[in-house]
């Protein structure tokens, strides 16, 4: 469905007419292709995912051990070692999250490229997306950050405001892509 939405939003941006539920038809007709792209993106991001998940596990374990050592009688010697371990795990978590986010921005336009170039393979789509985003990831990050205020406002409407905000964000990203 996400791939279908990408195609529909691209068509709307270009001024073409679309029917109400075309995104379902288009999305399910391109099911294999969209999953191929999603799987290849996942594989490209597998190492940062693994490091982030591993650091979360280490952080949880070290926090659990810290609280356990506070209850024991020899808390001073054990807690200082575990405290350093917790700080290192937290730093690894922050670094891996930044790495994952920065690397994922390479593939932000994969669905748009696939929608406009139906003859391209999944691998070619990802290479083209990475080529387009080289040197532009920070600008797209700033664009995404600019919507934080709107997200906070949508919380006051119990997320009903997202019905208006999400198409606005999608069209903004398509304008950035174009």
N, C-alpha and C. Protein backbone atom coordinates (compact mmCIF):
# COMPACT_ATOMS: atom_id res chain seq x y z
N UNK A 1 0.83 -1.19 0.00
CA UNK A 1 0.00 0.00 0.00
C UNK A 1 0.86 1.25 0.00
N UNK A 2 2.01 1.18 0.68
CA UNK A 2 2.91 2.32 0.72
C UNK A 2 3.43 2.66 -0.67
N UNK A 3 3.75 1.63 -1.44
CA UNK A 3 4.20 1.85 -2.81
C UNK A 3 3.08 2.47 -3.64
N UNK A 4 1.85 1.99 -3.44
CA UNK A 4 0.70 2.57 -4.14
C UNK A 4 0.48 4.02 -3.77
N UNK A 5 0.63 4.36 -2.49
CA UNK A 5 0.53 5.76 -2.07
C UNK A 5 1.61 6.62 -2.71
N UNK A 6 2.82 6.07 -2.81
CA UNK A 6 3.90 6.83 -3.45
C UNK A 6 3.55 7.16 -4.89
N UNK A 7 3.02 6.19 -5.61
CA UNK A 7 2.66 6.42 -7.01
C UNK A 7 1.50 7.41 -7.11
N UNK A 8 0.50 7.27 -6.26
CA UNK A 8 -0.66 8.18 -6.29
C UNK A 8 -0.23 9.60 -5.97
N UNK A 9 0.60 9.77 -4.94
CA UNK A 9 1.06 11.12 -4.60
C UNK A 9 1.91 11.73 -5.71
N UNK A 10 2.72 10.91 -6.36
CA UNK A 10 3.50 11.42 -7.51
C UNK A 10 2.57 11.86 -8.63
N UNK A 11 1.52 11.06 -8.91
CA UNK A 11 0.56 11.43 -9.95
C UNK A 11 -0.19 12.70 -9.59
N UNK A 12 -0.60 12.83 -8.34
CA UNK A 12 -1.29 14.04 -7.89
C UNK A 12 -0.37 15.25 -7.97
N UNK A 13 0.89 15.07 -7.61
CA UNK A 13 1.85 16.17 -7.68
C UNK A 13 2.04 16.64 -9.12
N UNK A 14 2.00 15.68 -10.05
CA UNK A 14 2.16 16.02 -11.47
C UNK A 14 0.86 16.50 -12.11
N UNK A 15 -0.24 16.53 -11.34
CA UNK A 15 -1.51 17.05 -11.83
C UNK A 15 -2.37 16.03 -12.56
N UNK A 16 -2.06 14.76 -12.43
CA UNK A 16 -2.84 13.72 -13.09
C UNK A 16 -4.07 13.38 -12.24
N UNK A 17 -5.09 12.84 -12.91
CA UNK A 17 -6.30 12.42 -12.21
C UNK A 17 -6.10 11.01 -11.66
N UNK A 18 -6.57 10.79 -10.45
CA UNK A 18 -6.52 9.47 -9.84
C UNK A 18 -7.87 9.17 -9.22
N UNK A 19 -8.17 7.89 -9.10
CA UNK A 19 -9.42 7.46 -8.47
C UNK A 19 -9.16 7.22 -6.98
N UNK A 20 -10.22 7.13 -6.23
CA UNK A 20 -10.14 7.08 -4.78
C UNK A 20 -9.26 5.95 -4.24
N UNK A 21 -9.45 4.74 -4.71
CA UNK A 21 -8.73 3.61 -4.13
C UNK A 21 -7.74 3.00 -5.11
N UNK A 22 -7.19 3.82 -5.99
CA UNK A 22 -6.17 3.35 -6.92
C UNK A 22 -4.90 2.88 -6.20
N UNK A 23 -4.63 3.45 -5.04
CA UNK A 23 -3.41 3.07 -4.33
C UNK A 23 -3.43 1.59 -3.96
N UNK A 24 -4.61 1.02 -3.67
CA UNK A 24 -4.69 -0.40 -3.36
C UNK A 24 -4.38 -1.24 -4.59
N UNK A 25 -4.99 -0.89 -5.71
CA UNK A 25 -4.78 -1.64 -6.94
C UNK A 25 -3.32 -1.56 -7.38
N UNK A 26 -2.79 -0.36 -7.39
CA UNK A 26 -1.40 -0.16 -7.82
C UNK A 26 -0.44 -0.84 -6.85
N UNK A 27 -0.71 -0.69 -5.56
CA UNK A 27 0.16 -1.28 -4.56
C UNK A 27 0.20 -2.79 -4.64
N UNK A 28 -0.96 -3.43 -4.79
CA UNK A 28 -0.97 -4.88 -4.82
C UNK A 28 -0.53 -5.43 -6.18
N UNK A 29 -0.67 -4.66 -7.25
CA UNK A 29 -0.14 -5.09 -8.54
C UNK A 29 1.38 -5.07 -8.55
N UNK A 30 1.98 -4.24 -7.72
CA UNK A 30 3.44 -4.14 -7.62
C UNK A 30 3.95 -4.72 -6.30
N UNK A 31 3.23 -5.68 -5.77
CA UNK A 31 3.54 -6.25 -4.47
C UNK A 31 4.96 -6.82 -4.42
N UNK A 32 5.31 -7.63 -5.40
CA UNK A 32 6.62 -8.28 -5.42
C UNK A 32 7.74 -7.24 -5.52
N UNK A 33 7.52 -6.25 -6.34
CA UNK A 33 8.55 -5.22 -6.54
C UNK A 33 8.76 -4.40 -5.27
N UNK A 34 7.65 -3.98 -4.65
CA UNK A 34 7.78 -3.16 -3.45
C UNK A 34 8.43 -3.93 -2.31
N UNK A 35 8.10 -5.21 -2.17
CA UNK A 35 8.74 -6.01 -1.13
C UNK A 35 10.20 -6.26 -1.45
N UNK A 36 10.52 -6.39 -2.73
CA UNK A 36 11.93 -6.53 -3.13
C UNK A 36 12.74 -5.31 -2.73
N UNK A 37 12.18 -4.14 -2.96
CA UNK A 37 12.86 -2.90 -2.58
C UNK A 37 12.99 -2.81 -1.06
N UNK A 38 11.90 -3.09 -0.36
CA UNK A 38 11.93 -3.04 1.11
C UNK A 38 12.94 -4.02 1.69
N UNK A 39 13.00 -5.23 1.13
CA UNK A 39 13.94 -6.23 1.63
C UNK A 39 15.38 -5.80 1.38
N UNK A 40 15.64 -5.24 0.20
CA UNK A 40 17.01 -4.79 -0.10
C UNK A 40 17.42 -3.63 0.80
N UNK A 41 16.48 -2.74 1.12
CA UNK A 41 16.79 -1.65 2.06
C UNK A 41 17.09 -2.24 3.43
N UNK A 42 16.30 -3.20 3.86
CA UNK A 42 16.53 -3.84 5.16
C UNK A 42 17.91 -4.49 5.21
N UNK A 43 18.30 -5.18 4.14
CA UNK A 43 19.61 -5.83 4.10
C UNK A 43 20.72 -4.78 4.17
N UNK A 44 20.54 -3.66 3.47
CA UNK A 44 21.56 -2.60 3.49
C UNK A 44 21.70 -1.99 4.88
N UNK A 45 20.62 -1.99 5.65
CA UNK A 45 20.63 -1.39 6.98
C UNK A 45 20.77 -2.43 8.10
N UNK A 46 21.06 -3.66 7.75
CA UNK A 46 21.09 -4.75 8.73
C UNK A 46 22.18 -4.56 9.78
N UNK A 47 23.36 -4.14 9.39
CA UNK A 47 24.44 -3.96 10.37
C UNK A 47 24.11 -2.84 11.36
N UNK A 48 23.66 -1.65 10.90
CA UNK A 48 23.27 -0.64 11.90
C UNK A 48 22.12 -1.09 12.80
N UNK A 49 21.13 -1.82 12.22
CA UNK A 49 20.05 -2.36 13.04
C UNK A 49 20.61 -3.28 14.12
N UNK A 50 21.49 -4.17 13.72
CA UNK A 50 22.06 -5.15 14.65
C UNK A 50 22.84 -4.46 15.77
N UNK A 51 23.64 -3.48 15.42
CA UNK A 51 24.42 -2.76 16.44
C UNK A 51 23.49 -2.02 17.40
N UNK A 52 22.43 -1.39 16.86
CA UNK A 52 21.49 -0.67 17.72
C UNK A 52 20.76 -1.62 18.66
N UNK A 53 20.31 -2.75 18.15
CA UNK A 53 19.60 -3.72 18.99
C UNK A 53 20.54 -4.33 20.02
N UNK A 54 21.75 -4.63 19.60
CA UNK A 54 22.74 -5.16 20.54
C UNK A 54 23.05 -4.16 21.64
N UNK A 55 23.19 -2.90 21.29
CA UNK A 55 23.47 -1.89 22.31
C UNK A 55 22.30 -1.71 23.27
N UNK A 56 21.07 -1.84 22.77
CA UNK A 56 19.90 -1.78 23.66
C UNK A 56 19.93 -2.94 24.64
N UNK A 57 20.27 -4.13 24.15
CA UNK A 57 20.37 -5.30 25.03
C UNK A 57 21.45 -5.12 26.08
N UNK A 58 22.61 -4.63 25.66
CA UNK A 58 23.71 -4.40 26.61
C UNK A 58 23.32 -3.33 27.62
N UNK A 59 22.66 -2.28 27.15
CA UNK A 59 22.22 -1.20 28.04
C UNK A 59 21.21 -1.71 29.06
N UNK A 60 20.25 -2.51 28.61
CA UNK A 60 19.25 -3.06 29.53
C UNK A 60 19.91 -3.99 30.55
N UNK A 61 20.83 -4.82 30.08
CA UNK A 61 21.54 -5.73 30.98
C UNK A 61 22.36 -4.96 32.01
N UNK A 62 23.06 -3.94 31.56
CA UNK A 62 23.89 -3.18 32.50
C UNK A 62 23.04 -2.40 33.50
N UNK A 63 21.90 -1.88 33.06
CA UNK A 63 21.01 -1.20 34.00
C UNK A 63 20.43 -2.18 35.01
N UNK A 64 20.07 -3.38 34.55
CA UNK A 64 19.56 -4.41 35.44
C UNK A 64 20.63 -4.80 36.47
N UNK A 65 21.86 -4.93 36.01
CA UNK A 65 22.95 -5.28 36.92
C UNK A 65 23.26 -4.13 37.88
N UNK A 66 23.11 -2.89 37.42
CA UNK A 66 23.33 -1.74 38.29
C UNK A 66 22.33 -1.72 39.43
N UNK A 67 21.07 -1.91 39.10
CA UNK A 67 20.05 -1.92 40.15
C UNK A 67 20.22 -3.13 41.07
N UNK A 68 20.66 -4.25 40.52
CA UNK A 68 20.91 -5.43 41.36
C UNK A 68 22.08 -5.22 42.29
N UNK A 69 23.11 -4.52 41.81
CA UNK A 69 24.29 -4.30 42.66
C UNK A 69 24.00 -3.28 43.75
N UNK A 70 23.07 -2.38 43.50
CA UNK A 70 22.71 -1.41 44.53
C UNK A 70 22.05 -2.09 45.73
N UNK A 71 21.40 -3.21 45.48
CA UNK A 71 20.74 -3.94 46.56
C UNK A 71 21.70 -4.86 47.31
N UNK A 72 22.84 -5.16 46.70
CA UNK A 72 23.79 -6.07 47.34
C UNK A 72 24.70 -5.32 48.32
N UNK A 73 25.50 -6.09 49.06
CA UNK A 73 26.35 -5.49 50.09
C UNK A 73 27.64 -4.89 49.52
N UNK A 74 28.17 -5.37 48.42
CA UNK A 74 29.40 -4.84 47.85
C UNK A 74 29.09 -3.93 46.65
N UNK A 75 28.25 -2.98 46.88
CA UNK A 75 27.74 -2.12 45.81
C UNK A 75 28.78 -1.15 45.26
N UNK A 76 29.72 -0.70 46.05
CA UNK A 76 30.62 0.36 45.59
C UNK A 76 31.56 -0.11 44.49
N UNK A 77 32.17 -1.28 44.62
CA UNK A 77 33.13 -1.73 43.61
C UNK A 77 32.43 -2.22 42.34
N UNK A 78 31.31 -2.86 42.48
CA UNK A 78 30.60 -3.40 41.32
C UNK A 78 29.89 -2.30 40.55
N UNK A 79 29.27 -1.37 41.26
CA UNK A 79 28.46 -0.35 40.58
C UNK A 79 29.31 0.61 39.76
N UNK A 80 30.56 0.87 40.16
CA UNK A 80 31.39 1.77 39.36
C UNK A 80 31.77 1.12 38.03
N UNK A 81 32.04 -0.18 38.03
CA UNK A 81 32.34 -0.89 36.79
C UNK A 81 31.11 -0.96 35.89
N UNK A 82 29.99 -1.25 36.48
CA UNK A 82 28.75 -1.34 35.70
C UNK A 82 28.31 0.03 35.21
N UNK A 83 28.57 1.08 35.98
CA UNK A 83 28.23 2.43 35.55
C UNK A 83 29.00 2.83 34.32
N UNK A 84 30.28 2.48 34.26
CA UNK A 84 31.08 2.76 33.07
C UNK A 84 30.56 1.94 31.89
N UNK A 85 30.19 0.69 32.16
CA UNK A 85 29.64 -0.19 31.13
C UNK A 85 28.32 0.38 30.58
N UNK A 86 27.50 0.94 31.46
CA UNK A 86 26.24 1.55 31.05
C UNK A 86 26.49 2.78 30.18
N UNK A 87 27.45 3.58 30.56
CA UNK A 87 27.77 4.78 29.77
C UNK A 87 28.28 4.40 28.39
N UNK A 88 29.15 3.40 28.32
CA UNK A 88 29.67 2.95 27.02
C UNK A 88 28.54 2.39 26.15
N UNK A 89 27.65 1.59 26.75
CA UNK A 89 26.52 1.04 26.00
C UNK A 89 25.61 2.15 25.50
N UNK A 90 25.40 3.17 26.32
CA UNK A 90 24.56 4.30 25.90
C UNK A 90 25.20 5.06 24.75
N UNK A 91 26.51 5.26 24.81
CA UNK A 91 27.21 5.96 23.72
C UNK A 91 27.14 5.14 22.43
N UNK A 92 27.29 3.82 22.54
CA UNK A 92 27.17 2.95 21.36
C UNK A 92 25.76 3.01 20.80
N UNK A 93 24.75 3.06 21.68
CA UNK A 93 23.36 3.17 21.22
C UNK A 93 23.13 4.47 20.46
N UNK A 94 23.61 5.59 21.00
CA UNK A 94 23.44 6.88 20.33
C UNK A 94 24.16 6.88 18.99
N UNK A 95 25.39 6.37 18.96
CA UNK A 95 26.18 6.34 17.71
C UNK A 95 25.51 5.44 16.67
N UNK A 96 25.02 4.29 17.08
CA UNK A 96 24.38 3.38 16.11
C UNK A 96 23.06 3.94 15.61
N UNK A 97 22.33 4.66 16.44
CA UNK A 97 21.09 5.28 16.00
C UNK A 97 21.37 6.39 14.98
N UNK A 98 22.39 7.18 15.23
CA UNK A 98 22.77 8.21 14.26
C UNK A 98 23.23 7.57 12.96
N UNK A 99 24.01 6.50 13.05
CA UNK A 99 24.49 5.79 11.87
C UNK A 99 23.32 5.22 11.08
N UNK A 100 22.36 4.60 11.77
CA UNK A 100 21.20 4.02 11.11
C UNK A 100 20.36 5.10 10.43
N UNK A 101 20.15 6.20 11.10
CA UNK A 101 19.36 7.29 10.52
C UNK A 101 20.05 7.89 9.31
N UNK A 102 21.34 8.14 9.44
CA UNK A 102 22.09 8.74 8.32
C UNK A 102 22.12 7.81 7.12
N UNK A 103 22.29 6.52 7.36
CA UNK A 103 22.33 5.58 6.25
C UNK A 103 20.95 5.38 5.62
N UNK A 104 19.90 5.43 6.43
CA UNK A 104 18.55 5.22 5.89
C UNK A 104 18.11 6.37 4.98
N UNK A 105 18.69 7.54 5.17
CA UNK A 105 18.33 8.67 4.31
C UNK A 105 18.79 8.47 2.87
N UNK A 106 19.74 7.57 2.63
CA UNK A 106 20.14 7.27 1.26
C UNK A 106 18.99 6.66 0.45
N UNK A 107 18.08 5.96 1.11
CA UNK A 107 17.06 5.19 0.43
C UNK A 107 15.66 5.80 0.56
N UNK A 108 15.58 7.07 0.91
CA UNK A 108 14.29 7.73 1.09
C UNK A 108 13.48 7.84 -0.21
N UNK A 109 14.17 7.92 -1.34
CA UNK A 109 13.48 8.13 -2.61
C UNK A 109 13.32 6.85 -3.42
N UNK A 110 13.58 5.70 -2.82
CA UNK A 110 13.55 4.44 -3.55
C UNK A 110 12.16 4.18 -4.16
N UNK A 111 11.11 4.39 -3.40
CA UNK A 111 9.77 4.13 -3.93
C UNK A 111 9.40 5.12 -5.03
N UNK A 112 9.80 6.38 -4.88
CA UNK A 112 9.51 7.36 -5.92
C UNK A 112 10.23 7.02 -7.22
N UNK A 113 11.47 6.63 -7.12
CA UNK A 113 12.24 6.26 -8.31
C UNK A 113 11.63 5.02 -8.95
N UNK A 114 11.25 4.04 -8.14
CA UNK A 114 10.63 2.82 -8.66
C UNK A 114 9.29 3.12 -9.33
N UNK A 115 8.55 4.08 -8.77
CA UNK A 115 7.26 4.44 -9.35
C UNK A 115 7.41 5.12 -10.71
N UNK A 116 8.46 5.90 -10.88
CA UNK A 116 8.67 6.60 -12.14
C UNK A 116 9.42 5.76 -13.17
N UNK A 117 10.14 4.74 -12.72
CA UNK A 117 10.94 3.90 -13.61
C UNK A 117 10.59 2.44 -13.38
N UNK A 118 9.50 2.01 -13.95
CA UNK A 118 9.02 0.65 -13.71
C UNK A 118 9.94 -0.42 -14.29
N UNK A 119 10.83 -0.05 -15.21
CA UNK A 119 11.73 -1.02 -15.82
C UNK A 119 12.98 -1.28 -14.99
N UNK A 120 13.25 -0.44 -14.00
CA UNK A 120 14.46 -0.60 -13.18
C UNK A 120 14.29 -1.73 -12.18
N UNK A 121 15.39 -2.43 -11.91
CA UNK A 121 15.36 -3.48 -10.90
C UNK A 121 15.48 -2.84 -9.51
N UNK A 122 15.25 -3.63 -8.50
CA UNK A 122 15.33 -3.13 -7.12
C UNK A 122 16.73 -2.61 -6.81
N UNK A 123 17.73 -3.33 -7.26
CA UNK A 123 19.11 -2.92 -7.01
C UNK A 123 19.42 -1.59 -7.69
N UNK A 124 18.96 -1.42 -8.93
CA UNK A 124 19.18 -0.16 -9.65
C UNK A 124 18.45 0.99 -8.98
N UNK A 125 17.26 0.72 -8.45
CA UNK A 125 16.48 1.74 -7.76
C UNK A 125 17.24 2.24 -6.53
N UNK A 126 17.80 1.31 -5.75
CA UNK A 126 18.53 1.69 -4.55
C UNK A 126 19.81 2.46 -4.89
N UNK A 127 20.49 2.04 -5.94
CA UNK A 127 21.70 2.75 -6.36
C UNK A 127 21.36 4.16 -6.82
N UNK A 128 20.26 4.30 -7.55
CA UNK A 128 19.85 5.62 -8.02
C UNK A 128 19.43 6.51 -6.84
N UNK A 129 18.73 5.94 -5.87
CA UNK A 129 18.33 6.70 -4.69
C UNK A 129 19.55 7.16 -3.91
N UNK A 130 20.54 6.28 -3.75
CA UNK A 130 21.75 6.65 -3.04
C UNK A 130 22.51 7.74 -3.79
N UNK A 131 22.52 7.63 -5.10
CA UNK A 131 23.18 8.64 -5.93
C UNK A 131 22.50 10.00 -5.79
N UNK A 132 21.16 10.00 -5.80
CA UNK A 132 20.41 11.25 -5.66
C UNK A 132 20.59 11.89 -4.29
N UNK A 133 20.69 11.08 -3.26
CA UNK A 133 20.75 11.61 -1.90
C UNK A 133 22.15 11.94 -1.42
N UNK A 134 23.16 11.55 -2.18
CA UNK A 134 24.53 11.87 -1.77
C UNK A 134 24.70 13.39 -1.73
N UNK A 135 25.02 13.90 -0.57
CA UNK A 135 25.20 15.33 -0.37
C UNK A 135 23.92 16.09 -0.05
N UNK A 136 22.78 15.40 -0.02
CA UNK A 136 21.51 16.08 0.24
C UNK A 136 20.77 15.53 1.46
N UNK A 137 21.38 14.59 2.16
CA UNK A 137 20.71 13.97 3.30
C UNK A 137 20.42 14.96 4.41
N UNK A 138 21.34 15.88 4.66
CA UNK A 138 21.14 16.84 5.74
C UNK A 138 19.99 17.80 5.43
N UNK A 139 19.85 18.18 4.18
CA UNK A 139 18.73 19.05 3.79
C UNK A 139 17.39 18.36 3.99
N UNK A 140 17.32 17.07 3.63
CA UNK A 140 16.08 16.33 3.84
C UNK A 140 15.82 16.14 5.33
N UNK A 141 16.88 15.94 6.10
CA UNK A 141 16.73 15.83 7.55
C UNK A 141 16.15 17.12 8.13
N UNK A 142 16.66 18.25 7.69
CA UNK A 142 16.12 19.54 8.14
C UNK A 142 14.65 19.69 7.74
N UNK A 143 14.31 19.24 6.54
CA UNK A 143 12.91 19.30 6.11
C UNK A 143 12.04 18.45 7.04
N UNK A 144 12.49 17.25 7.35
CA UNK A 144 11.71 16.37 8.24
C UNK A 144 11.60 16.96 9.64
N UNK A 145 12.67 17.57 10.14
CA UNK A 145 12.65 18.18 11.47
C UNK A 145 11.67 19.35 11.51
N UNK A 146 11.49 20.02 10.39
CA UNK A 146 10.61 21.20 10.38
C UNK A 146 9.15 20.85 10.65
N UNK A 147 8.79 19.57 10.57
CA UNK A 147 7.40 19.16 10.80
C UNK A 147 7.12 18.80 12.25
N UNK A 148 8.10 18.90 13.13
CA UNK A 148 7.91 18.50 14.53
C UNK A 148 6.80 19.32 15.19
N UNK A 149 6.77 20.62 14.93
CA UNK A 149 5.72 21.46 15.51
C UNK A 149 4.33 21.03 15.09
N UNK A 150 4.20 20.64 13.82
CA UNK A 150 2.90 20.17 13.34
C UNK A 150 2.51 18.85 14.00
N UNK A 151 3.48 17.98 14.22
CA UNK A 151 3.20 16.72 14.92
C UNK A 151 2.72 16.98 16.34
N UNK A 152 3.36 17.93 17.02
CA UNK A 152 2.94 18.26 18.38
C UNK A 152 1.52 18.82 18.37
N UNK A 153 1.22 19.69 17.40
CA UNK A 153 -0.15 20.21 17.29
C UNK A 153 -1.16 19.10 17.00
N UNK A 154 -0.77 18.11 16.22
CA UNK A 154 -1.71 17.02 15.92
C UNK A 154 -2.01 16.18 17.16
N UNK A 155 -1.10 16.18 18.13
CA UNK A 155 -1.37 15.46 19.37
C UNK A 155 -2.54 16.08 20.12
N UNK A 156 -2.68 17.40 20.02
CA UNK A 156 -3.79 18.08 20.69
C UNK A 156 -5.13 17.76 20.05
N UNK A 157 -5.12 17.28 18.82
CA UNK A 157 -6.36 16.89 18.14
C UNK A 157 -6.54 15.37 18.18
N UNK A 158 -5.81 14.71 19.08
CA UNK A 158 -5.85 13.25 19.20
C UNK A 158 -5.51 12.58 17.87
N UNK A 159 -4.51 13.13 17.19
CA UNK A 159 -3.95 12.65 15.93
C UNK A 159 -4.90 12.77 14.73
N UNK A 160 -6.02 13.44 14.89
CA UNK A 160 -6.88 13.69 13.74
C UNK A 160 -6.18 14.65 12.77
N UNK A 161 -5.34 15.51 13.29
CA UNK A 161 -4.58 16.43 12.45
C UNK A 161 -3.62 15.72 11.51
N UNK A 162 -3.27 14.46 11.82
CA UNK A 162 -2.39 13.70 10.93
C UNK A 162 -3.04 13.43 9.58
N UNK A 163 -4.38 13.45 9.53
CA UNK A 163 -5.07 13.27 8.25
C UNK A 163 -4.69 14.38 7.26
N UNK A 164 -4.39 15.54 7.77
CA UNK A 164 -3.98 16.66 6.93
C UNK A 164 -2.45 16.77 6.85
N UNK A 165 -1.79 16.41 7.93
CA UNK A 165 -0.34 16.58 8.00
C UNK A 165 0.42 15.59 7.14
N UNK A 166 0.04 14.32 7.14
CA UNK A 166 0.79 13.32 6.40
C UNK A 166 0.80 13.56 4.89
N UNK A 167 -0.33 13.92 4.25
CA UNK A 167 -0.24 14.28 2.83
C UNK A 167 0.62 15.51 2.59
N UNK A 168 0.56 16.47 3.50
CA UNK A 168 1.40 17.67 3.39
C UNK A 168 2.88 17.30 3.43
N UNK A 169 3.25 16.41 4.34
CA UNK A 169 4.63 15.96 4.45
C UNK A 169 5.04 15.20 3.19
N UNK A 170 4.15 14.30 2.71
CA UNK A 170 4.47 13.54 1.50
C UNK A 170 4.68 14.45 0.30
N UNK A 171 3.83 15.45 0.13
CA UNK A 171 4.00 16.36 -0.99
C UNK A 171 5.27 17.22 -0.84
N UNK A 172 5.61 17.56 0.38
CA UNK A 172 6.85 18.29 0.62
C UNK A 172 8.07 17.46 0.24
N UNK A 173 8.04 16.20 0.59
CA UNK A 173 9.16 15.31 0.25
C UNK A 173 9.21 15.05 -1.25
N UNK A 174 8.04 14.95 -1.90
CA UNK A 174 8.01 14.79 -3.35
C UNK A 174 8.56 16.05 -4.02
N UNK A 175 8.21 17.22 -3.51
CA UNK A 175 8.75 18.47 -4.06
C UNK A 175 10.27 18.49 -3.89
N UNK A 176 10.77 18.02 -2.77
CA UNK A 176 12.21 17.92 -2.56
C UNK A 176 12.82 16.94 -3.56
N UNK A 177 12.15 15.85 -3.79
CA UNK A 177 12.63 14.83 -4.75
C UNK A 177 12.66 15.38 -6.16
N UNK A 178 11.63 16.08 -6.54
CA UNK A 178 11.56 16.63 -7.91
C UNK A 178 12.60 17.73 -8.09
